[in-house]
Amino acid sequence: MKAIAFCPAHITGFFMVCLDEDYKKTGSKGAGLNLSLGSIAEVEKAEKFCLKGNIGNGIVTKSAISYLTNEAFKIKIRNELPISQGFGISASSSLAACIAIASLLNMPHEKALEAVHMAEIKNKCGLGDAVAEFVGGVEIRREPGLKGRIEKIECKEKIILAIVGKAIETKKILGNEKKIERINEVGEECLKEFIANPSLENFFDLSLKFSFETGIANEKMKKILNEANRIGKASMAMLGNSIFALYSQEMKKFLSKFEIYECFIDNYGARTLATFFP
């Protein structure tokens, strides 16, 4: 028995941290977009657990699988974007693996989502990526948590990504109370403005505002973003030293001095690609 699943990477443009003693209610409000690049997991039943791939320490994936099942699987994950650069890869790699496992065990995919969300919160590696990646598109997270209210906007724009600095550890941001206070203040303003005008262009503008006014963007990032926005629409992926922008040849030329990736907005969310039964 074997299953292959895909989960889109996810970029958060702006957010609010929403903590609760109940992990299922913990999460974030805000908005983001899902990418046609992400994580592909190949899973098959085995006598002994085995996890391979470009996944770092794989702590979230291992934790999520332990929530989902005690059965042993051989898992191979291929991530199409780097870890810890604001692309939600810890969530996408875990969700791809858990959805493949759920398909083999005839479980609803919502069980896979629950396992990954719980693992993300427990390990302080993310807040809203898993629930967003499950849905796809450009999403508005109106209410936090596993059962939070999400509004989906379908969009087919091409996106260019650029890695401009070293990886950022999410834990360092989420563990700073003063930083969280400012994030929530600016995030609430951005969410209200986006709900009033939910266009992709406004999403980029509000994401840029969020990165500047929260102080998350450093001086180097601000300089690059100011130059990029003279060409088109661009902002900083939360939380990473990376930029996402609406694709154009001029934007690609400007960002080509960095490590770049080209993709589209994914409107389908995490899904099984194939299953093979003997």
Protein backbone atom coordinates (compact mmCIF):
# COMPACT_ATOMS: atom_id res chain seq x y z
CA MET A 1 0.00 0.00 0.00
CA LYS A 2 1.34 3.40 -1.02
CA ALA A 3 -0.01 6.95 -1.21
CA ILE A 4 1.38 10.20 -2.62
CA ALA A 5 0.11 13.56 -1.36
CA PHE A 6 0.84 17.23 -2.05
CA CYS A 7 0.46 20.22 0.23
CA PRO A 8 0.99 23.80 -0.98
CA ALA A 9 3.49 26.06 0.76
CA HIS A 10 1.87 29.08 2.39
CA ILE A 11 2.84 32.72 2.83
CA THR A 12 1.30 34.83 5.59
CA GLY A 13 1.06 38.51 4.73
CA PHE A 14 -0.16 39.74 8.12
CA PHE A 15 -1.45 38.07 11.25
CA MET A 16 -2.53 38.24 14.87
CA VAL A 17 -1.35 35.75 17.50
CA CYS A 18 -4.32 34.08 19.25
CA LEU A 19 -3.30 31.89 22.18
CA ASP A 20 -5.54 29.59 24.22
CA GLU A 21 -5.00 26.78 26.73
CA ASP A 22 -6.82 24.55 24.25
CA TYR A 23 -4.46 23.91 21.32
CA LYS A 24 -7.44 23.43 19.01
CA LYS A 25 -8.48 27.04 19.69
CA THR A 26 -4.95 28.44 19.47
CA GLY A 27 -3.88 29.85 16.12
CA SER A 28 -3.85 33.12 14.24
CA LYS A 29 -6.10 35.53 12.43
CA GLY A 30 -4.89 37.21 9.28
CA ALA A 31 -4.47 36.55 5.59
CA GLY A 32 -2.12 34.72 3.26
CA LEU A 33 -1.76 32.88 -0.02
CA ASN A 34 -0.97 29.29 -0.98
CA LEU A 35 1.63 28.35 -3.57
CA SER A 36 1.86 25.78 -6.35
CA LEU A 37 5.26 24.86 -4.90
CA GLY A 38 5.12 22.95 -1.64
CA SER A 39 5.70 19.48 -0.22
CA ILE A 40 5.26 16.06 -1.81
CA ALA A 41 5.11 13.00 0.45
CA GLU A 42 5.34 9.35 -0.58
CA VAL A 43 4.12 7.01 2.14
CA GLU A 44 3.90 3.25 2.38
CA LYS A 45 3.21 0.83 5.20
CA ALA A 46 6.33 -0.66 6.80
CA GLU A 47 7.45 -2.77 9.73
CA LYS A 48 9.59 0.06 11.10
CA PHE A 49 9.08 3.84 11.03
CA CYS A 50 11.37 5.68 8.59
CA LEU A 51 11.33 9.38 7.66
CA LYS A 52 13.56 10.79 4.93
CA GLY A 53 13.80 14.04 2.98
CA ASN A 54 14.94 17.65 3.13
CA ILE A 55 12.89 18.39 6.25
CA GLY A 56 15.41 19.58 8.85
CA ASN A 57 14.91 17.80 12.17
CA GLY A 58 11.39 16.73 11.16
CA ILE A 59 10.08 17.34 14.67
CA VAL A 60 6.66 18.61 13.57
CA THR A 61 6.15 15.75 11.12
CA LYS A 62 7.11 13.12 13.70
CA SER A 63 4.90 14.74 16.32
CA ALA A 64 1.94 15.00 13.93
CA ILE A 65 2.20 11.37 12.87
CA SER A 66 2.25 10.29 16.52
CA TYR A 67 -1.05 12.18 17.04
CA LEU A 68 -2.53 10.45 13.99
CA THR A 69 -1.51 6.80 14.36
CA ASN A 70 0.72 4.25 16.08
CA GLU A 71 1.23 2.27 12.87
CA ALA A 72 4.64 2.26 11.16
CA PHE A 73 5.24 3.88 7.78
CA LYS A 74 8.12 4.56 5.43
CA ILE A 75 7.89 8.24 4.49
CA LYS A 76 9.82 10.21 1.89
CA ILE A 77 9.24 13.97 1.69
CA ARG A 78 10.44 16.38 -0.98
CA ASN A 79 10.16 20.06 -0.15
CA GLU A 80 10.27 22.42 -3.12
CA LEU A 81 11.06 25.52 -1.03
CA PRO A 82 13.52 26.15 1.85
CA ILE A 83 12.63 25.71 5.51
CA SER A 84 12.31 28.65 7.96
CA GLN A 85 11.86 31.29 5.25
CA GLY A 86 8.18 32.08 5.78
CA PHE A 87 6.75 29.45 3.43
CA GLY A 88 5.05 27.23 6.04
CA ILE A 89 7.18 24.24 5.09
CA SER A 90 7.09 22.55 8.50
CA ALA A 91 3.30 22.49 8.15
CA SER A 92 3.18 21.57 4.45
CA SER A 93 5.64 18.67 4.77
CA SER A 94 3.78 17.35 7.81
CA LEU A 95 0.36 17.78 6.23
CA ALA A 96 1.40 16.07 3.00
CA ALA A 97 2.70 13.09 5.01
CA CYS A 98 -0.35 12.90 7.28
CA ILE A 99 -2.84 13.18 4.40
CA ALA A 100 -1.07 10.33 2.61
CA ILE A 101 -1.24 8.25 5.81
CA ALA A 102 -4.91 9.15 6.32
CA SER A 103 -5.65 8.01 2.76
CA LEU A 104 -4.04 4.63 3.44
CA LEU A 105 -5.89 4.22 6.75
CA ASN A 106 -9.21 5.37 5.27
CA MET A 107 -9.35 8.31 7.67
CA PRO A 108 -10.91 11.69 6.84
CA HIS A 109 -8.30 14.27 5.83
CA GLU A 110 -9.57 16.50 8.64
CA LYS A 111 -7.89 14.09 11.07
CA ALA A 112 -4.57 14.74 9.33
CA LEU A 113 -5.13 18.49 9.62
CA GLU A 114 -5.91 18.19 13.33
CA ALA A 115 -2.72 16.19 13.95
CA VAL A 116 -0.53 18.75 12.15
CA HIS A 117 -2.19 21.76 13.77
CA MET A 118 -1.67 20.25 17.23
CA ALA A 119 1.96 19.43 16.44
CA GLU A 120 2.65 22.95 15.10
CA ILE A 121 1.25 24.58 18.23
CA LYS A 122 2.96 22.15 20.61
CA ASN A 123 6.36 22.71 19.01
CA LYS A 124 5.85 26.49 18.52
CA CYS A 125 6.67 26.20 14.81
CA GLY A 126 3.57 27.92 13.43
CA LEU A 127 0.03 29.09 14.14
CA GLY A 128 -2.09 29.23 11.01
CA ASP A 129 -0.19 27.59 8.17
CA ALA A 130 -1.77 24.12 8.38
CA VAL A 131 -5.39 25.31 8.33
CA ALA A 132 -4.62 27.71 5.46
CA GLU A 133 -2.78 25.07 3.43
CA PHE A 134 -5.69 22.68 3.87
CA VAL A 135 -8.01 25.19 2.18
CA GLY A 136 -5.81 26.74 -0.54
CA GLY A 137 -6.21 29.99 -2.49
CA VAL A 138 -5.84 33.43 -0.95
CA GLU A 139 -7.38 32.99 2.48
CA ILE A 140 -8.75 35.30 5.16
CA ARG A 141 -8.51 33.69 8.61
CA ARG A 142 -11.34 35.51 10.36
CA GLU A 143 -11.29 33.29 13.46
CA PRO A 144 -8.30 31.36 14.87
CA GLY A 145 -7.77 27.69 15.56
CA LEU A 146 -8.53 24.34 14.04
CA LYS A 147 -12.21 25.14 13.54
CA GLY A 148 -11.65 28.83 12.83
CA ARG A 149 -13.64 30.65 10.16
CA ILE A 150 -11.73 30.91 6.87
CA GLU A 151 -12.82 32.76 3.77
CA LYS A 152 -11.22 31.62 0.51
CA ILE A 153 -10.58 33.76 -2.56
CA GLU A 154 -9.57 31.93 -5.73
CA CYS A 155 -6.80 33.58 -7.72
CA LYS A 156 -4.50 32.49 -10.57
CA GLU A 157 -1.69 35.04 -10.44
CA LYS A 158 1.96 34.12 -10.96
CA ILE A 159 4.26 34.79 -8.03
CA ILE A 160 8.03 35.16 -7.74
CA LEU A 161 9.87 34.40 -4.50
CA ALA A 162 13.34 35.56 -3.43
CA ILE A 163 15.48 34.47 -0.48
CA VAL A 164 17.37 37.56 0.68
CA GLY A 165 18.84 36.54 4.04
CA LYS A 166 19.35 33.87 6.67
CA ALA A 167 16.43 31.83 7.99
CA ILE A 168 14.34 33.21 10.86
CA GLU A 169 13.31 30.98 13.77
CA THR A 170 9.57 31.37 14.35
CA LYS A 171 10.07 30.59 18.07
CA LYS A 172 12.14 33.76 18.54
CA ILE A 173 9.28 35.95 17.33
CA LEU A 174 6.44 34.05 18.99
CA GLY A 175 8.32 34.01 22.31
CA ASN A 176 8.65 37.83 22.49
CA GLU A 177 5.64 39.32 24.32
CA LYS A 178 6.34 42.93 23.30
CA LYS A 179 6.73 41.88 19.67
CA ILE A 180 3.45 39.93 19.81
CA GLU A 181 1.65 42.96 21.26
CA ARG A 182 2.75 45.12 18.32
CA ILE A 183 2.04 42.33 15.82
CA ASN A 184 -1.53 42.03 17.11
CA GLU A 185 -2.10 45.78 17.04
CA VAL A 186 -0.97 46.20 13.42
CA GLY A 187 -2.41 42.83 12.37
CA GLU A 188 -5.89 43.81 13.55
CA GLU A 189 -5.76 47.03 11.48
CA CYS A 190 -4.61 45.14 8.37
CA LEU A 191 -7.27 42.44 8.75
CA LYS A 192 -10.07 45.00 9.00
CA GLU A 193 -8.78 46.85 5.94
CA PHE A 194 -8.45 43.65 3.93
CA ILE A 195 -11.95 42.45 4.80
CA ALA A 196 -13.24 45.83 3.55
CA ASN A 197 -11.30 45.46 0.28
CA PRO A 198 -10.22 41.83 -0.33
CA SER A 199 -8.18 42.32 -3.51
CA LEU A 200 -4.77 40.79 -4.20
CA GLU A 201 -3.25 44.26 -4.69
CA ASN A 202 -4.58 45.36 -1.30
CA PHE A 203 -3.19 42.18 0.25
CA PHE A 204 0.30 43.13 -0.94
CA ASP A 205 -0.08 46.72 0.28
CA LEU A 206 -1.27 45.63 3.73
CA SER A 207 1.40 42.97 4.00
CA LEU A 208 4.03 45.62 3.27
CA LYS A 209 2.50 47.89 5.91
CA PHE A 210 2.55 45.03 8.41
CA SER A 211 6.21 44.14 7.80
CA PHE A 212 7.31 47.78 8.24
CA GLU A 213 5.09 48.86 11.14
CA THR A 214 5.71 45.77 13.27
CA GLY A 215 9.47 46.16 12.91
CA ILE A 216 9.83 42.61 11.59
CA ALA A 217 11.48 43.88 8.39
CA ASN A 218 15.07 44.95 9.05
CA GLU A 219 16.78 47.83 7.24
CA LYS A 220 18.14 45.61 4.47
CA MET A 221 14.68 44.14 3.85
CA LYS A 222 13.04 47.57 3.87
CA LYS A 223 15.50 48.86 1.26
CA ILE A 224 14.89 45.89 -1.06
CA LEU A 225 11.11 46.13 -0.64
CA ASN A 226 11.07 49.87 -1.34
CA GLU A 227 12.99 49.29 -4.57
CA ALA A 228 10.79 46.32 -5.54
CA ASN A 229 7.61 48.32 -5.03
CA ARG A 230 8.79 50.89 -7.56
CA ILE A 231 8.56 48.03 -10.07
CA GLY A 232 5.39 46.27 -8.91
CA LYS A 233 3.83 44.68 -5.83
CA ALA A 234 6.10 42.95 -3.33
CA SER A 235 6.26 42.21 0.39
CA MET A 236 7.97 40.12 3.07
CA ALA A 237 6.88 36.56 3.85
CA MET A 238 6.02 36.03 7.51
CA LEU A 239 8.20 34.88 9.15
CA GLY A 240 11.23 34.65 6.88
CA ASN A 241 14.01 36.63 5.25
CA SER A 242 12.24 36.25 1.93
CA ILE A 243 10.21 38.33 -0.49
CA PHE A 244 7.14 37.43 -2.51
CA ALA A 245 6.02 39.55 -5.45
CA LEU A 246 3.64 39.62 -8.37
CA TYR A 247 5.55 38.22 -11.32
CA SER A 248 6.84 40.39 -14.15
CA GLN A 249 9.99 40.22 -16.26
CA GLU A 250 11.19 43.46 -14.68
CA MET A 251 10.58 42.12 -11.15
CA LYS A 252 12.38 38.88 -12.02
CA LYS A 253 15.37 40.83 -13.33
CA PHE A 254 15.49 42.92 -10.14
CA LEU A 255 15.31 39.87 -7.83
CA SER A 256 17.62 37.65 -9.91
CA LYS A 257 20.63 38.57 -7.73
CA PHE A 258 18.97 36.43 -5.04
CA GLU A 259 17.88 32.78 -4.96
CA ILE A 260 14.51 32.92 -6.73
CA TYR A 261 11.54 30.61 -7.36
CA GLU A 262 8.59 31.01 -9.72
CA CYS A 263 5.14 29.60 -8.98
CA PHE A 264 1.40 30.28 -9.05
CA ILE A 265 -1.25 30.63 -6.38
CA ASP A 266 -2.63 27.18 -5.56
CA ASN A 267 -6.43 27.14 -5.25
CA TYR A 268 -6.92 23.49 -4.29
CA GLY A 269 -5.18 23.01 -0.95
CA ALA A 270 -3.62 19.85 0.48
CA ARG A 271 -4.66 16.70 -1.38
CA THR A 272 -3.89 13.10 -2.23
CA LEU A 273 -2.34 12.72 -5.67
CA ALA A 274 -2.40 8.93 -5.98
CA THR A 275 -2.95 5.72 -4.01
CA PHE A 276 -1.69 2.25 -4.85
CA PHE A 277 -3.19 -0.87 -3.30
CA PRO A 278 -1.93 -4.43 -3.91
